[in-house]
Amino acid sequence: MARRCELTAKGPQTGHKVSHSNIKTKRRFLPNLCNVTFISDTLGRNVRLRVSTNALKSVDHRGGLDAFLLKAKGTELSPRALELKRAIEKKKAAGAEAKAG
Protein backbone atom coordinates (compact mmCIF):
# COMPACT_ATOMS: atom_id res chain seq x y z
CA MET A 1 0.00 0.00 0.00
CA ALA A 2 1.36 3.42 -0.94
CA ARG A 3 2.29 5.73 1.90
CA ARG A 4 0.37 8.67 0.50
CA CYS A 5 -2.51 10.70 1.90
CA GLU A 6 -5.65 10.31 -0.24
CA LEU A 7 -6.79 13.91 0.31
CA THR A 8 -3.64 16.05 0.36
CA ALA A 9 -1.24 13.82 -1.66
CA LYS A 10 1.31 14.11 1.15
CA GLY A 11 3.95 11.38 0.74
CA PRO A 12 7.34 10.30 2.06
CA GLN A 13 10.28 12.71 1.98
CA THR A 14 13.99 11.96 2.13
CA GLY A 15 16.67 13.51 4.24
CA HIS A 16 19.65 12.77 6.43
CA LYS A 17 19.95 11.18 9.83
CA VAL A 18 22.76 13.13 11.48
CA SER A 19 24.73 11.39 14.21
CA HIS A 20 26.51 13.03 17.12
CA SER A 21 29.75 12.88 15.11
CA ASN A 22 27.94 14.62 12.21
CA ILE A 23 27.89 11.52 9.94
CA LYS A 24 24.98 11.83 7.53
CA THR A 25 23.08 8.74 6.38
CA LYS A 26 19.99 8.67 4.19
CA ARG A 27 16.58 8.20 5.82
CA ARG A 28 12.89 8.59 4.98
CA PHE A 29 10.39 10.86 6.70
CA LEU A 30 7.01 9.10 6.45
CA PRO A 31 3.70 10.97 6.77
CA ASN A 32 1.53 10.27 9.80
CA LEU A 33 -1.27 8.29 8.11
CA CYS A 34 -4.34 6.80 9.76
CA ASN A 35 -7.47 5.04 8.53
CA VAL A 36 -10.48 7.28 9.14
CA THR A 37 -14.21 6.95 8.49
CA PHE A 38 -15.73 10.22 7.29
CA ILE A 39 -19.45 10.94 7.04
CA SER A 40 -20.59 12.47 3.76
CA ASP A 41 -23.74 14.54 4.33
CA THR A 42 -24.49 14.91 0.63
CA LEU A 43 -24.10 11.22 -0.24
CA GLY A 44 -25.61 10.06 3.05
CA ARG A 45 -23.01 7.37 3.72
CA ASN A 46 -19.72 6.69 5.45
CA VAL A 47 -16.43 6.80 3.54
CA ARG A 48 -13.20 5.13 4.68
CA LEU A 49 -10.00 6.90 3.62
CA ARG A 50 -6.31 6.70 4.56
CA VAL A 51 -5.36 10.28 5.36
CA SER A 52 -2.66 12.20 7.20
CA THR A 53 -3.42 13.77 10.55
CA ASN A 54 -2.78 17.15 8.91
CA ALA A 55 -5.59 16.40 6.43
CA LEU A 56 -7.90 15.50 9.33
CA LYS A 57 -7.41 19.00 10.74
CA SER A 58 -7.96 20.54 7.30
CA VAL A 59 -11.21 18.61 6.75
CA ASP A 60 -12.47 19.70 10.17
CA HIS A 61 -11.44 23.32 9.52
CA ARG A 62 -13.23 23.50 6.15
CA GLY A 63 -16.48 22.12 7.58
CA GLY A 64 -16.51 18.43 6.72
CA LEU A 65 -15.55 16.04 3.95
CA ASP A 66 -17.97 17.43 1.36
CA ALA A 67 -16.74 21.02 1.72
CA PHE A 68 -13.10 19.88 1.66
CA LEU A 69 -13.53 17.82 -1.52
CA LEU A 70 -15.48 20.52 -3.35
CA LYS A 71 -12.74 23.06 -2.65
CA ALA A 72 -9.77 20.72 -3.30
CA LYS A 73 -7.92 20.58 -6.62
CA GLY A 74 -8.45 17.41 -8.63
CA THR A 75 -4.71 16.98 -9.23
CA GLU A 76 -4.02 16.57 -5.49
CA LEU A 77 -6.70 13.96 -4.84
CA SER A 78 -6.37 10.19 -5.16
CA PRO A 79 -8.55 8.41 -7.75
CA ARG A 80 -10.95 7.28 -5.00
CA ALA A 81 -11.26 10.80 -3.56
CA LEU A 82 -11.73 12.22 -7.07
CA GLU A 83 -14.56 9.75 -7.64
CA LEU A 84 -16.17 10.90 -4.38
CA LYS A 85 -15.80 14.55 -5.41
CA ARG A 86 -17.56 13.89 -8.72
CA ALA A 87 -20.37 12.00 -6.97
CA ILE A 88 -20.87 14.88 -4.51
CA GLU A 89 -20.90 17.48 -7.31
CA LYS A 90 -23.41 15.39 -9.27
CA LYS A 91 -25.70 14.95 -6.26
CA LYS A 92 -25.53 18.69 -5.41
CA ALA A 93 -26.34 19.61 -9.03
CA ALA A 94 -29.31 17.22 -9.05
CA GLY A 95 -30.55 18.73 -5.79
CA ALA A 96 -30.25 22.26 -7.15
CA GLU A 97 -32.22 21.31 -10.30
CA ALA A 98 -34.96 19.71 -8.20
CA LYS A 99 -35.31 22.88 -6.11
CA ALA A 100 -35.33 25.18 -9.16
CA GLY A 101 -37.64 23.02 -11.27
C-alpha atoms as a PDB file:
ATOM      1  CA  MET A   1       0.000   0.000   0.000  1.00  0.00           C
ATOM      2  CA  ALA A   2       1.357   3.421  -0.938  1.00  0.00           C
ATOM      3  CA  ARG A   3       2.286   5.726   1.905  1.00  0.00           C
ATOM      4  CA  ARG A   4       0.367   8.667   0.502  1.00  0.00           C
ATOM      5  CA  CYS A   5      -2.514  10.704   1.896  1.00  0.00           C
ATOM      6  CA  GLU A   6      -5.648  10.315  -0.238  1.00  0.00           C
ATOM      7  CA  LEU A   7      -6.787  13.908   0.307  1.00  0.00           C
ATOM      8  CA  THR A   8      -3.638  16.053   0.359  1.00  0.00           C
ATOM      9  CA  ALA A   9      -1.239  13.820  -1.657  1.00  0.00           C
ATOM     10  CA  LYS A  10       1.315  14.114   1.147  1.00  0.00           C
ATOM     11  CA  GLY A  11       3.948  11.379   0.738  1.00  0.00           C
ATOM     12  CA  PRO A  12       7.339  10.304   2.063  1.00  0.00           C
ATOM     13  CA  GLN A  13      10.278  12.706   1.979  1.00  0.00           C
ATOM     14  CA  THR A  14      13.990  11.960   2.132  1.00  0.00           C
ATOM     15  CA  GLY A  15      16.669  13.513   4.243  1.00  0.00           C
ATOM     16  CA  HIS A  16      19.654  12.768   6.435  1.00  0.00           C
ATOM     17  CA  LYS A  17      19.955  11.178   9.832  1.00  0.00           C
ATOM     18  CA  VAL A  18      22.764  13.127  11.476  1.00  0.00           C
ATOM     19  CA  SER A  19      24.728  11.389  14.213  1.00  0.00           C
ATOM     20  CA  HIS A  20      26.509  13.031  17.119  1.00  0.00           C
ATOM     21  CA  SER A  21      29.752  12.877  15.108  1.00  0.00           C
ATOM     22  CA  ASN A  22      27.942  14.615  12.210  1.00  0.00           C
ATOM     23  CA  ILE A  23      27.888  11.516   9.937  1.00  0.00           C
ATOM     24  CA  LYS A  24      24.981  11.826   7.528  1.00  0.00           C
ATOM     25  CA  THR A  25      23.076   8.736   6.375  1.00  0.00           C
ATOM     26  CA  LYS A  26      19.986   8.667   4.193  1.00  0.00           C
ATOM     27  CA  ARG A  27      16.580   8.196   5.815  1.00  0.00           C
ATOM     28  CA  ARG A  28      12.891   8.591   4.980  1.00  0.00           C
ATOM     29  CA  PHE A  29      10.391  10.857   6.697  1.00  0.00           C
ATOM     30  CA  LEU A  30       7.008   9.103   6.455  1.00  0.00           C
ATOM     31  CA  PRO A  31       3.697  10.969   6.767  1.00  0.00           C
ATOM     32  CA  ASN A  32       1.532  10.275   9.795  1.00  0.00           C
ATOM     33  CA  LEU A  33      -1.267   8.290   8.115  1.00  0.00           C
ATOM     34  CA  CYS A  34      -4.343   6.800   9.763  1.00  0.00           C
ATOM     35  CA  ASN A  35      -7.468   5.043   8.528  1.00  0.00           C
ATOM     36  CA  VAL A  36     -10.481   7.276   9.139  1.00  0.00           C
ATOM     37  CA  THR A  37     -14.207   6.954   8.490  1.00  0.00           C
ATOM     38  CA  PHE A  38     -15.730  10.216   7.288  1.00  0.00           C
ATOM     39  CA  ILE A  39     -19.452  10.937   7.044  1.00  0.00           C
ATOM     40  CA  SER A  40     -20.589  12.465   3.757  1.00  0.00           C
ATOM     41  CA  ASP A  41     -23.740  14.535   4.335  1.00  0.00           C
ATOM     42  CA  THR A  42     -24.494  14.909   0.626  1.00  0.00           C
ATOM     43  CA  LEU A  43     -24.097  11.220  -0.237  1.00  0.00           C
ATOM     44  CA  GLY A  44     -25.613  10.057   3.047  1.00  0.00           C
ATOM     45  CA  ARG A  45     -23.012   7.371   3.724  1.00  0.00           C
ATOM     46  CA  ASN A  46     -19.718   6.687   5.455  1.00  0.00           C
ATOM     47  CA  VAL A  47     -16.425   6.797   3.539  1.00  0.00           C
ATOM     48  CA  ARG A  48     -13.195   5.133   4.682  1.00  0.00           C
ATOM     49  CA  LEU A  49      -9.998   6.899   3.622  1.00  0.00           C
ATOM     50  CA  ARG A  50      -6.314   6.703   4.555  1.00  0.00           C
ATOM     51  CA  VAL A  51      -5.358  10.283   5.358  1.00  0.00           C
ATOM     52  CA  SER A  52      -2.657  12.196   7.200  1.00  0.00           C
ATOM     53  CA  THR A  53      -3.419  13.768  10.545  1.00  0.00           C
ATOM     54  CA  ASN A  54      -2.779  17.146   8.906  1.00  0.00           C
ATOM     55  CA  ALA A  55      -5.591  16.398   6.428  1.00  0.00           C
ATOM     56  CA  LEU A  56      -7.896  15.502   9.330  1.00  0.00           C
ATOM     57  CA  LYS A  57      -7.408  18.998  10.740  1.00  0.00           C
ATOM     58  CA  SER A  58      -7.964  20.538   7.300  1.00  0.00           C
ATOM     59  CA  VAL A  59     -11.211  18.609   6.754  1.00  0.00           C
ATOM     60  CA  ASP A  60     -12.467  19.700  10.168  1.00  0.00           C
ATOM     61  CA  HIS A  61     -11.440  23.316   9.517  1.00  0.00           C
ATOM     62  CA  ARG A  62     -13.232  23.498   6.153  1.00  0.00           C
ATOM     63  CA  GLY A  63     -16.477  22.121   7.583  1.00  0.00           C
ATOM     64  CA  GLY A  64     -16.514  18.429   6.719  1.00  0.00           C
ATOM     65  CA  LEU A  65     -15.550  16.042   3.951  1.00  0.00           C
ATOM     66  CA  ASP A  66     -17.971  17.434   1.358  1.00  0.00           C
ATOM     67  CA  ALA A  67     -16.738  21.018   1.724  1.00  0.00           C
ATOM     68  CA  PHE A  68     -13.098  19.877   1.658  1.00  0.00           C
ATOM     69  CA  LEU A  69     -13.532  17.817  -1.523  1.00  0.00           C
ATOM     70  CA  LEU A  70     -15.482  20.525  -3.349  1.00  0.00           C
ATOM     71  CA  LYS A  71     -12.738  23.064  -2.648  1.00  0.00           C
ATOM     72  CA  ALA A  72      -9.771  20.721  -3.303  1.00  0.00           C
ATOM     73  CA  LYS A  73      -7.924  20.578  -6.621  1.00  0.00           C
ATOM     74  CA  GLY A  74      -8.446  17.406  -8.632  1.00  0.00           C
ATOM     75  CA  THR A  75      -4.708  16.979  -9.228  1.00  0.00           C
ATOM     76  CA  GLU A  76      -4.019  16.565  -5.487  1.00  0.00           C
ATOM     77  CA  LEU A  77      -6.696  13.956  -4.845  1.00  0.00           C
ATOM     78  CA  SER A  78      -6.369  10.192  -5.164  1.00  0.00           C
ATOM     79  CA  PRO A  79      -8.549   8.409  -7.745  1.00  0.00           C
ATOM     80  CA  ARG A  80     -10.951   7.285  -4.996  1.00  0.00           C
ATOM     81  CA  ALA A  81     -11.263  10.803  -3.564  1.00  0.00           C
ATOM     82  CA  LEU A  82     -11.728  12.222  -7.065  1.00  0.00           C
ATOM     83  CA  GLU A  83     -14.559   9.754  -7.641  1.00  0.00           C
ATOM     84  CA  LEU A  84     -16.171  10.905  -4.382  1.00  0.00           C
ATOM     85  CA  LYS A  85     -15.796  14.546  -5.414  1.00  0.00           C
ATOM     86  CA  ARG A  86     -17.556  13.893  -8.722  1.00  0.00           C
ATOM     87  CA  ALA A  87     -20.369  12.005  -6.971  1.00  0.00           C
ATOM     88  CA  ILE A  88     -20.869  14.875  -4.509  1.00  0.00           C
ATOM     89  CA  GLU A  89     -20.901  17.482  -7.313  1.00  0.00           C
ATOM     90  CA  LYS A  90     -23.410  15.386  -9.275  1.00  0.00           C
ATOM     91  CA  LYS A  91     -25.696  14.951  -6.263  1.00  0.00           C
ATOM     92  CA  LYS A  92     -25.534  18.687  -5.411  1.00  0.00           C
ATOM     93  CA  ALA A  93     -26.342  19.611  -9.029  1.00  0.00           C
ATOM     94  CA  ALA A  94     -29.311  17.221  -9.053  1.00  0.00           C
ATOM     95  CA  GLY A  95     -30.549  18.730  -5.787  1.00  0.00           C
ATOM     96  CA  ALA A  96     -30.253  22.258  -7.150  1.00  0.00           C
ATOM     97  CA  GLU A  97     -32.218  21.312 -10.296  1.00  0.00           C
ATOM     98  CA  ALA A  98     -34.958  19.709  -8.203  1.00  0.00           C
ATOM     99  CA  LYS A  99     -35.310  22.879  -6.106  1.00  0.00           C
ATOM    100  CA  ALA A 100     -35.333  25.177  -9.159  1.00  0.00           C
ATOM    101  CA  GLY A 101     -37.640  23.025 -11.269  1.00  0.00           C
END
